[in-house]
C-alpha atoms as a PDB file:
ATOM      1  CA  MET A   1      -7.244  19.300   1.996  1.00  0.00           C
ATOM      2  CA  ILE A   2      -8.912  20.797  -1.003  1.00  0.00           C
ATOM      3  CA  LEU A   3      -8.852  18.560  -4.087  1.00  0.00           C
ATOM      4  CA  PRO A   4      -8.375  19.918  -7.613  1.00  0.00           C
ATOM      5  CA  ASP A   5     -11.415  19.930  -9.900  1.00  0.00           C
ATOM      6  CA  LEU A   6     -12.111  16.283 -10.672  1.00  0.00           C
ATOM      7  CA  LEU A   7     -13.596  14.695 -13.755  1.00  0.00           C
ATOM      8  CA  GLU A   8     -16.032  11.809 -13.311  1.00  0.00           C
ATOM      9  CA  GLY A   9     -15.831   8.593 -15.316  1.00  0.00           C
ATOM     10  CA  ARG A  10     -16.133   4.838 -15.279  1.00  0.00           C
ATOM     11  CA  LEU A  11     -13.230   2.466 -14.889  1.00  0.00           C
ATOM     12  CA  ILE A  12     -12.706   0.222 -17.879  1.00  0.00           C
ATOM     13  CA  ARG A  13      -9.605  -1.577 -16.513  1.00  0.00           C
ATOM     14  CA  ARG A  14      -6.480  -1.109 -14.476  1.00  0.00           C
ATOM     15  CA  TYR A  15      -3.332  -2.707 -15.897  1.00  0.00           C
ATOM     16  CA  LYS A  16       0.461  -2.706 -15.721  1.00  0.00           C
ATOM     17  CA  ARG A  17      -0.056  -1.448 -12.145  1.00  0.00           C
ATOM     18  CA  PHE A  18       0.290   2.250 -13.015  1.00  0.00           C
ATOM     19  CA  LEU A  19      -2.204   2.574 -15.861  1.00  0.00           C
ATOM     20  CA  ALA A  20      -5.966   2.733 -16.019  1.00  0.00           C
ATOM     21  CA  ASP A  21      -8.404   3.068 -18.951  1.00  0.00           C
ATOM     22  CA  ILE A  22     -11.306   5.291 -18.013  1.00  0.00           C
ATOM     23  CA  ARG A  23     -14.383   6.428 -19.914  1.00  0.00           C
ATOM     24  CA  LEU A  24     -15.221  10.022 -18.967  1.00  0.00           C
ATOM     25  CA  VAL A  25     -18.836  11.221 -18.748  1.00  0.00           C
ATOM     26  CA  ASP A  26     -18.508  12.887 -22.134  1.00  0.00           C
ATOM     27  CA  GLY A  27     -17.874   9.473 -23.694  1.00  0.00           C
ATOM     28  CA  SER A  28     -14.206   9.909 -24.344  1.00  0.00           C
ATOM     29  CA  GLU A  29     -11.769   7.245 -23.256  1.00  0.00           C
ATOM     30  CA  VAL A  30      -8.462   8.279 -21.601  1.00  0.00           C
ATOM     31  CA  ILE A  31      -5.455   6.573 -20.057  1.00  0.00           C
ATOM     32  CA  ALA A  32      -4.847   7.764 -16.517  1.00  0.00           C
ATOM     33  CA  HIS A  33      -1.869   7.318 -14.224  1.00  0.00           C
ATOM     34  CA  CYS A  34      -2.696   5.072 -11.269  1.00  0.00           C
ATOM     35  CA  PRO A  35      -0.679   6.332  -8.285  1.00  0.00           C
ATOM     36  CA  ASN A  36      -0.878   3.169  -6.239  1.00  0.00           C
ATOM     37  CA  THR A  37       1.655   0.317  -6.112  1.00  0.00           C
ATOM     38  CA  GLY A  38      -0.663  -2.152  -4.332  1.00  0.00           C
ATOM     39  CA  SER A  39      -3.113  -4.668  -5.670  1.00  0.00           C
ATOM     40  CA  MET A  40      -6.044  -2.268  -5.072  1.00  0.00           C
ATOM     41  CA  ARG A  41      -8.114  -5.306  -4.240  1.00  0.00           C
ATOM     42  CA  ASN A  42     -11.859  -4.428  -4.177  1.00  0.00           C
ATOM     43  CA  CYS A  43     -11.041  -0.886  -5.427  1.00  0.00           C
ATOM     44  CA  ALA A  44     -10.499  -1.539  -9.094  1.00  0.00           C
ATOM     45  CA  GLU A  45     -13.628  -3.273 -10.295  1.00  0.00           C
ATOM     46  CA  PRO A  46     -14.420  -2.547 -13.983  1.00  0.00           C
ATOM     47  CA  GLY A  47     -17.475  -0.309 -14.229  1.00  0.00           C
ATOM     48  CA  SER A  48     -16.828   1.459 -10.940  1.00  0.00           C
ATOM     49  CA  ARG A  49     -17.403   5.208 -10.828  1.00  0.00           C
ATOM     50  CA  VAL A  50     -14.106   7.011 -10.581  1.00  0.00           C
ATOM     51  CA  TRP A  51     -12.718  10.546 -10.523  1.00  0.00           C
ATOM     52  CA  VAL A  52      -9.518  11.797 -12.131  1.00  0.00           C
ATOM     53  CA  SER A  53      -7.594  15.069 -11.967  1.00  0.00           C
ATOM     54  CA  ASP A  54      -6.314  16.862 -15.055  1.00  0.00           C
ATOM     55  CA  VAL A  55      -2.655  17.396 -14.475  1.00  0.00           C
ATOM     56  CA  THR A  56      -1.599  18.723 -17.870  1.00  0.00           C
ATOM     57  CA  SER A  57       2.115  19.426 -17.763  1.00  0.00           C
ATOM     58  CA  PRO A  58       4.955  19.270 -20.253  1.00  0.00           C
ATOM     59  CA  SER A  59       6.893  17.062 -17.875  1.00  0.00           C
ATOM     60  CA  ARG A  60       4.148  14.391 -17.549  1.00  0.00           C
ATOM     61  CA  LYS A  61       3.498  11.596 -20.024  1.00  0.00           C
ATOM     62  CA  LEU A  62      -0.141  11.175 -18.991  1.00  0.00           C
ATOM     63  CA  ARG A  63      -2.547  14.048 -18.710  1.00  0.00           C
ATOM     64  CA  TYR A  64      -4.899  12.412 -16.142  1.00  0.00           C
ATOM     65  CA  ARG A  65      -4.351  11.038 -12.626  1.00  0.00           C
ATOM     66  CA  TRP A  66      -6.774   8.672 -10.949  1.00  0.00           C
ATOM     67  CA  GLU A  67      -7.727   9.982  -7.513  1.00  0.00           C
ATOM     68  CA  LEU A  68     -11.001   8.456  -6.137  1.00  0.00           C
ATOM     69  CA  VAL A  69     -13.178   5.404  -6.654  1.00  0.00           C
ATOM     70  CA  GLU A  70     -16.653   4.542  -5.560  1.00  0.00           C
ATOM     71  CA  VAL A  71     -16.796   1.109  -3.902  1.00  0.00           C
ATOM     72  CA  GLU A  72     -19.931  -1.045  -3.835  1.00  0.00           C
ATOM     73  CA  GLY A  73     -21.863   1.949  -5.119  1.00  0.00           C
ATOM     74  CA  ARG A  74     -21.809   3.759  -1.758  1.00  0.00           C
ATOM     75  CA  PHE A  75     -18.334   4.254  -0.330  1.00  0.00           C
ATOM     76  CA  LEU A  76     -15.551   6.533  -1.457  1.00  0.00           C
ATOM     77  CA  ALA A  77     -11.879   5.550  -1.380  1.00  0.00           C
ATOM     78  CA  CYS A  78      -8.814   7.594  -2.265  1.00  0.00           C
ATOM     79  CA  ILE A  79      -6.383   5.431  -4.189  1.00  0.00           C
ATOM     80  CA  ASP A  80      -3.759   8.178  -4.614  1.00  0.00           C
ATOM     81  CA  THR A  81      -1.298   7.098  -1.924  1.00  0.00           C
ATOM     82  CA  GLY A  82       0.731  10.237  -2.480  1.00  0.00           C
ATOM     83  CA  LEU A  83      -1.934  12.355  -0.860  1.00  0.00           C
ATOM     84  CA  ALA A  84      -1.774  10.535   2.483  1.00  0.00           C
ATOM     85  CA  ASN A  85       1.414  12.190   3.746  1.00  0.00           C
ATOM     86  CA  HIS A  86       0.125  15.653   2.841  1.00  0.00           C
ATOM     87  CA  LEU A  87      -3.203  15.027   4.541  1.00  0.00           C
ATOM     88  CA  VAL A  88      -1.542  13.758   7.789  1.00  0.00           C
ATOM     89  CA  LYS A  89       0.973  16.598   7.829  1.00  0.00           C
ATOM     90  CA  GLU A  90      -1.798  19.115   7.450  1.00  0.00           C
ATOM     91  CA  ALA A  91      -3.767  17.480  10.287  1.00  0.00           C
ATOM     92  CA  ILE A  92      -0.771  17.509  12.604  1.00  0.00           C
ATOM     93  CA  GLN A  93      -0.058  21.186  11.862  1.00  0.00           C
ATOM     94  CA  SER A  94      -3.669  22.074  12.725  1.00  0.00           C
ATOM     95  CA  ASP A  95      -3.628  19.984  15.887  1.00  0.00           C
ATOM     96  CA  GLN A  96      -6.269  17.515  14.690  1.00  0.00           C
ATOM     97  CA  ILE A  97      -4.339  14.528  16.074  1.00  0.00           C
ATOM     98  CA  PRO A  98      -3.981  15.082  19.819  1.00  0.00           C
ATOM     99  CA  ALA A  99      -1.276  12.417  20.372  1.00  0.00           C
ATOM    100  CA  LEU A 100       0.946  14.214  17.829  1.00  0.00           C
ATOM    101  CA  SER A 101       0.444  17.755  19.003  1.00  0.00           C
ATOM    102  CA  GLY A 102       2.974  20.002  20.669  1.00  0.00           C
ATOM    103  CA  TYR A 103       5.869  19.539  18.310  1.00  0.00           C
ATOM    104  CA  SER A 104       7.430  22.698  16.968  1.00  0.00           C
ATOM    105  CA  GLY A 105       9.055  21.221  13.866  1.00  0.00           C
ATOM    106  CA  ILE A 106       8.014  18.869  11.116  1.00  0.00           C
ATOM    107  CA  GLN A 107      10.235  17.466   8.294  1.00  0.00           C
ATOM    108  CA  THR A 108       9.304  15.255   5.402  1.00  0.00           C
ATOM    109  CA  GLU A 109      11.181  12.441   3.712  1.00  0.00           C
ATOM    110  CA  ARG A 110      14.083  12.644   6.132  1.00  0.00           C
ATOM    111  CA  PRO A 111      16.726   9.872   5.486  1.00  0.00           C
ATOM    112  CA  TYR A 112      17.304   7.579   8.471  1.00  0.00           C
ATOM    113  CA  GLY A 113      18.011   4.010   9.514  1.00  0.00           C
ATOM    114  CA  GLU A 114      20.505   1.273   8.755  1.00  0.00           C
ATOM    115  CA  GLU A 115      18.418   0.103   5.811  1.00  0.00           C
ATOM    116  CA  LYS A 116      18.540   3.510   4.145  1.00  0.00           C
ATOM    117  CA  SER A 117      14.915   4.503   4.536  1.00  0.00           C
ATOM    118  CA  ARG A 118      13.141   7.802   4.486  1.00  0.00           C
ATOM    119  CA  ILE A 119      10.704   8.613   7.250  1.00  0.00           C
ATOM    120  CA  ASP A 120       7.448  10.220   6.039  1.00  0.00           C
ATOM    121  CA  LEU A 121       7.247  12.724   8.883  1.00  0.00           C
ATOM    122  CA  LEU A 122       9.790  13.653  11.493  1.00  0.00           C
ATOM    123  CA  LEU A 123       8.431  15.654  14.401  1.00  0.00           C
ATOM    124  CA  THR A 124      10.798  17.557  16.613  1.00  0.00           C
ATOM    125  CA  GLY A 125      10.381  19.656  19.732  1.00  0.00           C
ATOM    126  CA  GLN A 126      12.285  20.994  22.722  1.00  0.00           C
ATOM    127  CA  ASP A 127      12.652  18.658  25.692  1.00  0.00           C
ATOM    128  CA  ARG A 128      11.084  15.651  23.974  1.00  0.00           C
ATOM    129  CA  PRO A 129      12.464  12.831  21.842  1.00  0.00           C
ATOM    130  CA  ASP A 130      12.207  13.001  18.076  1.00  0.00           C
ATOM    131  CA  CYS A 131       9.004  11.395  16.806  1.00  0.00           C
ATOM    132  CA  TYR A 132       9.165   9.290  13.584  1.00  0.00           C
ATOM    133  CA  VAL A 133       5.842   8.891  11.846  1.00  0.00           C
ATOM    134  CA  GLU A 134       5.443   6.334   9.046  1.00  0.00           C
ATOM    135  CA  VAL A 135       2.193   6.776   7.135  1.00  0.00           C
ATOM    136  CA  LYS A 136       0.387   3.968   5.311  1.00  0.00           C
ATOM    137  CA  ASN A 137      -2.661   4.415   3.153  1.00  0.00           C
ATOM    138  CA  VAL A 138      -5.499   1.828   3.677  1.00  0.00           C
ATOM    139  CA  THR A 139      -8.157   1.029   1.052  1.00  0.00           C
ATOM    140  CA  LEU A 140      -8.792  -2.738   1.467  1.00  0.00           C
ATOM    141  CA  MET A 141     -12.142  -3.527   2.999  1.00  0.00           C
ATOM    142  CA  GLY A 142     -13.474  -7.009   3.727  1.00  0.00           C
ATOM    143  CA  GLU A 143     -16.749  -8.103   5.305  1.00  0.00           C
ATOM    144  CA  GLY A 144     -18.582  -5.912   7.776  1.00  0.00           C
ATOM    145  CA  GLY A 145     -16.403  -2.849   7.402  1.00  0.00           C
ATOM    146  CA  GLN A 146     -13.205  -4.716   8.401  1.00  0.00           C
ATOM    147  CA  GLY A 147     -10.178  -3.021   6.933  1.00  0.00           C
ATOM    148  CA  TYR A 148      -6.833  -4.618   6.255  1.00  0.00           C
ATOM    149  CA  PHE A 149      -3.287  -3.619   5.473  1.00  0.00           C
ATOM    150  CA  PRO A 150      -1.427  -4.385   3.297  1.00  0.00           C
ATOM    151  CA  ASP A 151      -3.387  -5.325   0.126  1.00  0.00           C
ATOM    152  CA  ALA A 152      -0.237  -6.998  -1.348  1.00  0.00           C
ATOM    153  CA  VAL A 153       3.019  -8.426  -0.018  1.00  0.00           C
ATOM    154  CA  THR A 154       5.146  -5.496   1.141  1.00  0.00           C
ATOM    155  CA  ALA A 155       8.830  -6.063   1.792  1.00  0.00           C
ATOM    156  CA  ARG A 156       9.127  -2.288   2.012  1.00  0.00           C
ATOM    157  CA  GLY A 157       6.553  -2.153   4.774  1.00  0.00           C
ATOM    158  CA  SER A 158       8.423  -4.810   6.745  1.00  0.00           C
ATOM    159  CA  LYS A 159      11.651  -2.855   6.366  1.00  0.00           C
ATOM    160  CA  HIS A 160       9.969   0.246   7.741  1.00  0.00           C
ATOM    161  CA  LEU A 161       8.820  -1.689  10.829  1.00  0.00           C
ATOM    162  CA  ARG A 162      12.357  -2.846  11.493  1.00  0.00           C
ATOM    163  CA  GLU A 163      13.601   0.726  11.133  1.00  0.00           C
ATOM    164  CA  LEU A 164      11.013   1.998  13.566  1.00  0.00           C
ATOM    165  CA  MET A 165      12.073  -0.615  16.152  1.00  0.00           C
ATOM    166  CA  SER A 166      15.624   0.764  15.790  1.00  0.00           C
ATOM    167  CA  VAL A 167      14.250   4.223  16.481  1.00  0.00           C
ATOM    168  CA  ILE A 168      12.722   2.997  19.715  1.00  0.00           C
ATOM    169  CA  LYS A 169      15.921   1.250  20.710  1.00  0.00           C
ATOM    170  CA  ALA A 170      17.808   4.553  20.253  1.00  0.00           C
ATOM    171  CA  GLY A 171      15.366   6.358  22.542  1.00  0.00           C
ATOM    172  CA  GLY A 172      13.108   7.943  19.944  1.00  0.00           C
ATOM    173  CA  ARG A 173       9.332   7.766  19.553  1.00  0.00           C
ATOM    174  CA  ALA A 174       7.963   5.671  16.638  1.00  0.00           C
ATOM    175  CA  ILE A 175       4.492   5.929  15.188  1.00  0.00           C
ATOM    176  CA  LEU A 176       2.826   3.783  12.535  1.00  0.00           C
ATOM    177  CA  TYR A 177      -0.087   5.868  11.219  1.00  0.00           C
ATOM    178  CA  TYR A 178      -2.745   4.173   9.113  1.00  0.00           C
ATOM    179  CA  ASN A 179      -4.557   6.670   6.936  1.00  0.00           C
ATOM    180  CA  VAL A 180      -7.807   4.781   6.382  1.00  0.00           C
ATOM    181  CA  ALA A 181      -8.880   6.402   3.112  1.00  0.00           C
ATOM    182  CA  HIS A 182     -12.052   4.312   2.612  1.00  0.00           C
ATOM    183  CA  THR A 183     -15.331   5.552   4.069  1.00  0.00           C
ATOM    184  CA  GLY A 184     -16.665   2.021   4.543  1.00  0.00           C
ATOM    185  CA  ILE A 185     -13.904   0.819   6.878  1.00  0.00           C
ATOM    186  CA  ASN A 186     -14.735   0.963  10.623  1.00  0.00           C
ATOM    187  CA  GLN A 187     -11.973  -1.208  12.098  1.00  0.00           C
ATOM    188  CA  LEU A 188      -8.496  -2.279  11.056  1.00  0.00           C
ATOM    189  CA  SER A 189      -6.114  -5.238  11.336  1.00  0.00           C
ATOM    190  CA  PRO A 190      -3.021  -6.492   9.528  1.00  0.00           C
ATOM    191  CA  ALA A 191      -3.789  -8.675   6.450  1.00  0.00           C
ATOM    192  CA  ARG A 192      -2.093 -11.849   7.703  1.00  0.00           C
ATOM    193  CA  ALA A 193      -3.598 -13.888   4.880  1.00  0.00           C
ATOM    194  CA  ILE A 194      -1.866 -11.644   2.340  1.00  0.00           C
ATOM    195  CA  ASP A 195       1.470 -10.968   4.074  1.00  0.00           C
ATOM    196  CA  PRO A 196       2.136 -13.062   7.190  1.00  0.00           C
ATOM    197  CA  VAL A 197       5.706 -11.796   7.446  1.00  0.00           C
ATOM    198  CA  TYR A 198       4.472  -8.176   7.752  1.00  0.00           C
ATOM    199  CA  ALA A 199       1.897  -9.262  10.368  1.00  0.00           C
ATOM    200  CA  ASP A 200       4.483 -11.032  12.424  1.00  0.00           C
ATOM    201  CA  ILE A 201       6.967  -8.128  12.339  1.00  0.00           C
ATOM    202  CA  LEU A 202       4.151  -5.677  13.201  1.00  0.00           C
ATOM    203  CA  GLU A 203       3.182  -7.717  16.241  1.00  0.00           C
ATOM    204  CA  GLU A 204       6.816  -7.808  17.351  1.00  0.00           C
ATOM    205  CA  ALA A 205       7.155  -4.048  16.817  1.00  0.00           C
ATOM    206  CA  VAL A 206       4.027  -3.317  18.859  1.00  0.00           C
ATOM    207  CA  HIS A 207       5.349  -5.337  21.771  1.00  0.00           C
ATOM    208  CA  TYR A 208       8.652  -3.499  21.322  1.00  0.00           C
ATOM    209  CA  GLY A 209       6.932  -0.150  21.859  1.00  0.00           C
ATOM    210  CA  LEU A 210       5.696   0.935  18.435  1.00  0.00           C
ATOM    211  CA  GLU A 211       2.614   3.160  18.671  1.00  0.00           C
ATOM    212  CA  VAL A 212      -0.120   2.370  16.122  1.00  0.00           C
ATOM    213  CA  MET A 213      -2.650   5.001  15.142  1.00  0.00           C
ATOM    214  CA  ALA A 214      -5.470   4.602  12.675  1.00  0.00           C
ATOM    215  CA  TYR A 215      -7.705   7.462  11.582  1.00  0.00           C
ATOM    216  CA  GLY A 216     -10.512   7.503   9.071  1.00  0.00           C
ATOM    217  CA  VAL A 217     -10.663  10.006   6.287  1.00  0.00           C
ATOM    218  CA  ASP A 218     -13.720  12.118   5.438  1.00  0.00           C
ATOM    219  CA  ILE A 219     -13.832  12.065   1.596  1.00  0.00           C
ATOM    220  CA  SER A 220     -15.863  13.986  -0.958  1.00  0.00           C
ATOM    221  CA  THR A 221     -15.085  14.864  -4.550  1.00  0.00           C
ATOM    222  CA  LYS A 222     -14.167  18.350  -3.363  1.00  0.00           C
ATOM    223  CA  ALA A 223     -12.001  17.769  -0.267  1.00  0.00           C
ATOM    224  CA  MET A 224     -10.583  15.323   2.262  1.00  0.00           C
ATOM    225  CA  SER A 225      -9.885  15.656   5.928  1.00  0.00           C
ATOM    226  CA  VAL A 226      -8.777  13.438   8.807  1.00  0.00           C
ATOM    227  CA  GLY A 227     -11.833  11.961  10.486  1.00  0.00           C
ATOM    228  CA  GLN A 228     -12.333   9.880  13.636  1.00  0.00           C
ATOM    229  CA  PRO A 229      -9.972   7.274  15.161  1.00  0.00           C
ATOM    230  CA  ILE A 230     -10.488   3.762  13.782  1.00  0.00           C
ATOM    231  CA  PRO A 231     -10.164   0.787  16.217  1.00  0.00           C
ATOM    232  CA  PHE A 232      -7.041  -1.245  15.489  1.00  0.00           C
ATOM    233  CA  SER A 233      -6.409  -4.890  16.461  1.00  0.00           C
ATOM    234  CA  LEU A 234      -3.522  -7.181  15.698  1.00  0.00           C
ATOM    235  CA  THR A 235      -6.023  -9.970  15.068  1.00  0.00           C
ATOM    236  CA  ALA A 236      -9.176 -10.241  13.021  1.00  0.00           C
ATOM    237  CA  ASP A 237     -11.170 -12.773  11.048  1.00  0.00           C
ATOM    238  CA  GLU A 238      -9.187 -13.917   8.033  1.00  0.00           C
ATOM    239  CA  LEU A 239      -9.726 -12.079   4.778  1.00  0.00           C
ATOM    240  CA  ALA A 240     -11.910 -14.111   2.447  1.00  0.00           C
ATOM    241  CA  GLU A 241     -10.319 -15.265  -0.760  1.00  0.00           C
END
């Protein structure tokens, strides 16, 4: 995935969830849209180097959109959760994810489920069950490269797990795909200390037949691509407060 031309700056603060004050390298201060509903724990430290896109459009209130952040002065993370689905779709279409290859059709944001959800990616093919792929973007890193999801309580995430179990019950294939968009993360587990309900439902769903996949993302200020598989475990050391 080729990224648009990005402007470098320094984060002043993130506030009201969707706003960030950023000082660009030319010294000007701008308000950027923050396309991330989570806490962005460890990814929104004031003074961090960040990159924004210029999305000037008559239909947009804010000219700039926050895309990347440098974490601990050495790792890159993509905080724009909206890019995850596009990246994974692109990877599936180019057969970069072997377990999801061989499907002839791919749909996005297809309505489904008793709780009125929309599946991120629906894969279809002849002589095989439909494959429902729910994509989650991961940016929370703890000690030693341990990654966690979610970074905030997510009732929506729990709902999606219930919907995926219903897919399995109906004879379909259900995938939970973690898009690990942080170059410092080398393993992944649910963040039980943040959302124990989500962790419990995830464990139930895995035993029910949910397939969990986690892939890293190769990130630069020019492009992103799906990287190597990331080991996933239902248990890990607790996230430090």
